[in-house]
């Protein structure tokens, strides 16, 4: 049993597949267990809607109240030691890749789609775009990561930030609406 799921997890759909690309061991992937202190244990539950593919590169934890939706033909790829504290939403209708040692704080949303299609003179102008999050990225609480975003390695994203497009510099703190560099040459534990 490499995947352990909390009894407070709801499966919306399990038509997709899960692939594990590392040595398998008991409870290496935990869904619906970790949380933050202000979490409402009684009413919150984790939701998984899997119509595409989730790839795990190793140990991972998806906290209580988190929601993951992977659309048909979409891929969600999670690095080794990936962790969501609680109540974060990931919606992959194209491709979302999150590197090793990443921490996602509570209340954030990551989505590579707008859900609705907008056309100008018959051509779609808002197609789905992949999201790439590098290794050792810490996403603060209540961040919004929109389609086409790229976050480089070893970055911290400040709470309540809006991420759109490609961030350039590694080892930096980004924050704001939209996010911009706040500090350079940082490390974090």
Protein backbone atom coordinates (compact mmCIF):
# COMPACT_ATOMS: atom_id res chain seq x y z
CA UNK A 1 0.00 0.00 0.00
CA UNK A 2 2.13 2.94 -1.17
CA UNK A 3 -0.88 5.30 -1.09
CA UNK A 4 -2.81 5.92 2.13
CA UNK A 5 -6.06 7.89 1.90
CA UNK A 6 -7.93 9.52 4.80
CA UNK A 7 -11.52 8.46 5.40
CA UNK A 8 -12.44 12.16 4.92
CA UNK A 9 -11.50 12.00 1.21
CA UNK A 10 -14.14 12.07 -1.52
CA UNK A 11 -13.40 10.54 -4.91
CA UNK A 12 -15.27 12.50 -7.59
CA UNK A 13 -13.78 10.33 -10.33
CA UNK A 14 -11.09 7.64 -10.57
CA UNK A 15 -11.08 7.10 -14.35
CA UNK A 16 -7.45 8.19 -14.70
CA UNK A 17 -4.19 6.64 -13.60
CA UNK A 18 -1.43 7.07 -11.04
CA UNK A 19 2.22 6.37 -11.78
CA UNK A 20 4.95 6.17 -9.15
CA UNK A 21 8.49 6.71 -10.47
CA UNK A 22 10.52 5.77 -7.40
CA UNK A 23 11.06 2.82 -5.12
CA UNK A 24 7.71 2.00 -3.55
CA UNK A 25 7.26 1.76 0.23
CA UNK A 26 4.34 1.79 2.66
CA UNK A 27 2.47 5.12 3.04
CA UNK A 28 4.87 7.05 0.82
CA UNK A 29 1.93 9.06 -0.51
CA UNK A 30 -0.55 10.35 2.07
CA UNK A 31 -3.78 11.99 0.93
CA UNK A 32 -5.97 13.96 3.34
CA UNK A 33 -3.86 13.83 6.50
CA UNK A 34 -1.67 16.88 7.23
CA UNK A 35 -3.20 20.22 8.16
CA UNK A 36 -2.68 23.62 9.78
CA UNK A 37 -3.83 24.63 13.26
CA UNK A 38 -6.92 26.60 12.20
CA UNK A 39 -8.27 23.77 10.05
CA UNK A 40 -11.88 22.64 10.59
CA UNK A 41 -11.47 18.87 10.95
CA UNK A 42 -15.19 18.17 11.24
CA UNK A 43 -16.46 19.76 8.01
CA UNK A 44 -13.55 19.88 5.57
CA UNK A 45 -12.68 16.96 3.34
CA UNK A 46 -10.19 16.27 0.61
CA UNK A 47 -11.51 15.81 -2.94
CA UNK A 48 -9.80 13.90 -5.76
CA UNK A 49 -11.10 14.00 -9.34
CA UNK A 50 -8.78 11.91 -11.52
CA UNK A 51 -9.58 11.63 -15.22
CA UNK A 52 -6.01 12.09 -16.49
CA UNK A 53 -2.70 11.08 -14.95
CA UNK A 54 -0.86 11.88 -11.70
CA UNK A 55 2.86 11.09 -11.64
CA UNK A 56 4.59 10.87 -8.25
CA UNK A 57 8.41 11.01 -8.15
CA UNK A 58 8.49 9.86 -4.52
CA UNK A 59 7.07 10.66 -1.10
CA UNK A 60 4.23 13.19 -1.10
CA UNK A 61 1.59 14.58 1.21
CA UNK A 62 -1.72 16.18 0.26
CA UNK A 63 -3.23 17.92 3.28
CA UNK A 64 -6.80 17.82 4.55
CA UNK A 65 -9.34 19.86 2.65
CA UNK A 66 -7.22 20.00 -0.50
CA UNK A 67 -8.79 19.49 -3.89
CA UNK A 68 -7.08 17.96 -6.90
CA UNK A 69 -8.73 17.76 -10.31
CA UNK A 70 -6.88 16.24 -13.28
CA UNK A 71 -8.83 16.44 -16.53
CA UNK A 72 -8.91 13.89 -19.32
CA UNK A 73 -5.56 13.78 -21.18
CA UNK A 74 -4.00 16.10 -18.56
CA UNK A 75 -0.93 15.37 -16.42
CA UNK A 76 -0.11 16.43 -12.86
CA UNK A 77 3.51 15.62 -11.99
CA UNK A 78 4.64 15.92 -8.37
CA UNK A 79 8.28 15.81 -7.28
CA UNK A 80 9.90 13.94 -4.40
CA UNK A 81 8.86 15.32 -0.96
CA UNK A 82 5.99 17.36 -2.40
CA UNK A 83 3.70 18.70 0.35
CA UNK A 84 0.43 20.62 0.68
CA UNK A 85 -0.31 21.72 4.25
CA UNK A 86 -4.12 21.95 3.81
CA UNK A 87 -7.01 23.36 1.75
CA UNK A 88 -5.16 24.04 -1.51
CA UNK A 89 -6.64 23.43 -4.97
CA UNK A 90 -4.78 22.10 -8.02
CA UNK A 91 -6.64 21.97 -11.35
CA UNK A 92 -4.75 20.40 -14.26
CA UNK A 93 -6.46 20.34 -17.66
CA UNK A 94 -3.17 20.56 -19.59
CA UNK A 95 0.01 19.88 -17.56
CA UNK A 96 1.28 20.98 -14.18
CA UNK A 97 4.79 19.98 -13.08
CA UNK A 98 5.91 20.67 -9.51
CA UNK A 99 9.54 19.89 -8.66
CA UNK A 100 11.17 18.12 -5.70
CA UNK A 101 11.00 19.51 -2.14
CA UNK A 102 8.11 21.91 -2.78
CA UNK A 103 5.80 23.17 -0.05
CA UNK A 104 2.36 24.60 -0.83
CA UNK A 105 0.70 26.48 2.01
CA UNK A 106 -3.03 26.49 2.67
CA UNK A 107 -5.69 28.29 0.67
CA UNK A 108 -3.76 28.51 -2.60
CA UNK A 109 -4.98 27.64 -6.09
CA UNK A 110 -2.96 26.42 -9.07
CA UNK A 111 -4.81 26.07 -12.38
CA UNK A 112 -3.69 25.72 -15.99
CA UNK A 113 -7.11 26.48 -17.47
CA UNK A 114 -9.74 29.24 -17.53
CA UNK A 115 -12.52 26.61 -17.80
CA UNK A 116 -14.35 28.77 -20.33
CA UNK A 117 -13.39 29.29 -23.95
CA UNK A 118 -13.17 32.79 -25.42
CA UNK A 119 -13.12 33.29 -29.18
CA UNK A 120 -12.17 36.29 -31.28
CA UNK A 121 -13.20 36.03 -34.91
CA UNK A 122 -13.53 32.25 -34.54
CA UNK A 123 -10.09 31.67 -32.93
CA UNK A 124 -9.72 30.68 -29.29
CA UNK A 125 -7.68 33.27 -27.40
CA UNK A 126 -7.42 31.63 -23.98
CA UNK A 127 -6.28 28.05 -24.49
CA UNK A 128 -4.93 25.98 -21.59
CA UNK A 129 -1.20 26.43 -20.89
CA UNK A 130 1.15 24.31 -18.73
CA UNK A 131 2.54 25.39 -15.37
CA UNK A 132 6.10 24.56 -14.28
CA UNK A 133 7.20 25.01 -10.68
CA UNK A 134 10.89 24.33 -10.01
CA UNK A 135 12.59 22.49 -7.16
CA UNK A 136 12.50 23.82 -3.57
CA UNK A 137 9.69 26.31 -4.08
CA UNK A 138 7.64 27.46 -1.10
CA UNK A 139 4.26 28.84 -2.09
CA UNK A 140 2.83 31.00 0.71
CA UNK A 141 -0.81 30.91 1.80
CA UNK A 142 -3.59 32.04 -0.54
CA UNK A 143 -1.45 32.36 -3.67
CA UNK A 144 -2.99 32.14 -7.13
CA UNK A 145 -0.89 30.46 -9.85
CA UNK A 146 -2.45 30.83 -13.29
CA UNK A 147 -1.87 29.07 -16.60
CA UNK A 148 1.49 29.57 -18.30
CA UNK A 149 3.31 30.36 -15.04
CA UNK A 150 6.91 29.22 -14.59
CA UNK A 151 8.59 29.49 -11.20
CA UNK A 152 12.37 28.88 -11.02
CA UNK A 153 14.18 26.75 -8.42
CA UNK A 154 14.62 27.75 -4.76
CA UNK A 155 12.06 30.53 -4.62
CA UNK A 156 9.59 31.70 -2.01
CA UNK A 157 6.27 33.13 -3.13
CA UNK A 158 4.84 35.61 -0.61
CA UNK A 159 1.32 35.12 0.77
CA UNK A 160 -1.59 36.36 -1.38
CA UNK A 161 0.54 36.69 -4.53
CA UNK A 162 -0.75 36.39 -8.09
CA UNK A 163 1.54 34.53 -10.49
CA UNK A 164 1.22 34.92 -14.24
CA UNK A 165 3.95 34.21 -16.80
CA UNK A 166 7.61 33.30 -16.44
CA UNK A 167 9.59 34.32 -13.36
CA UNK A 168 13.28 34.51 -14.19
CA UNK A 169 15.59 34.56 -11.16
CA UNK A 170 16.22 31.55 -8.92
CA UNK A 171 16.95 31.97 -5.19
CA UNK A 172 14.48 34.84 -4.86
CA UNK A 173 11.35 35.92 -3.03
CA UNK A 174 8.49 37.01 -5.27
CA UNK A 175 5.31 38.72 -4.17
CA UNK A 176 2.50 41.02 -5.24
CA UNK A 177 -0.21 41.34 -7.92
CA UNK A 178 1.31 40.30 -10.28
CA UNK A 179 4.33 38.87 -8.47
CA UNK A 180 7.68 40.65 -8.80
CA UNK A 181 11.06 40.13 -7.13
CA UNK A 182 11.15 41.32 -3.51
CA UNK A 183 14.54 39.81 -2.47
CA UNK A 184 17.43 38.00 -4.15
CA UNK A 185 20.01 35.44 -3.01
CA UNK A 186 17.79 33.68 -0.47
CA UNK A 187 17.63 30.16 0.92
CA UNK A 188 14.93 28.57 3.09
CA UNK A 189 14.34 25.56 5.38
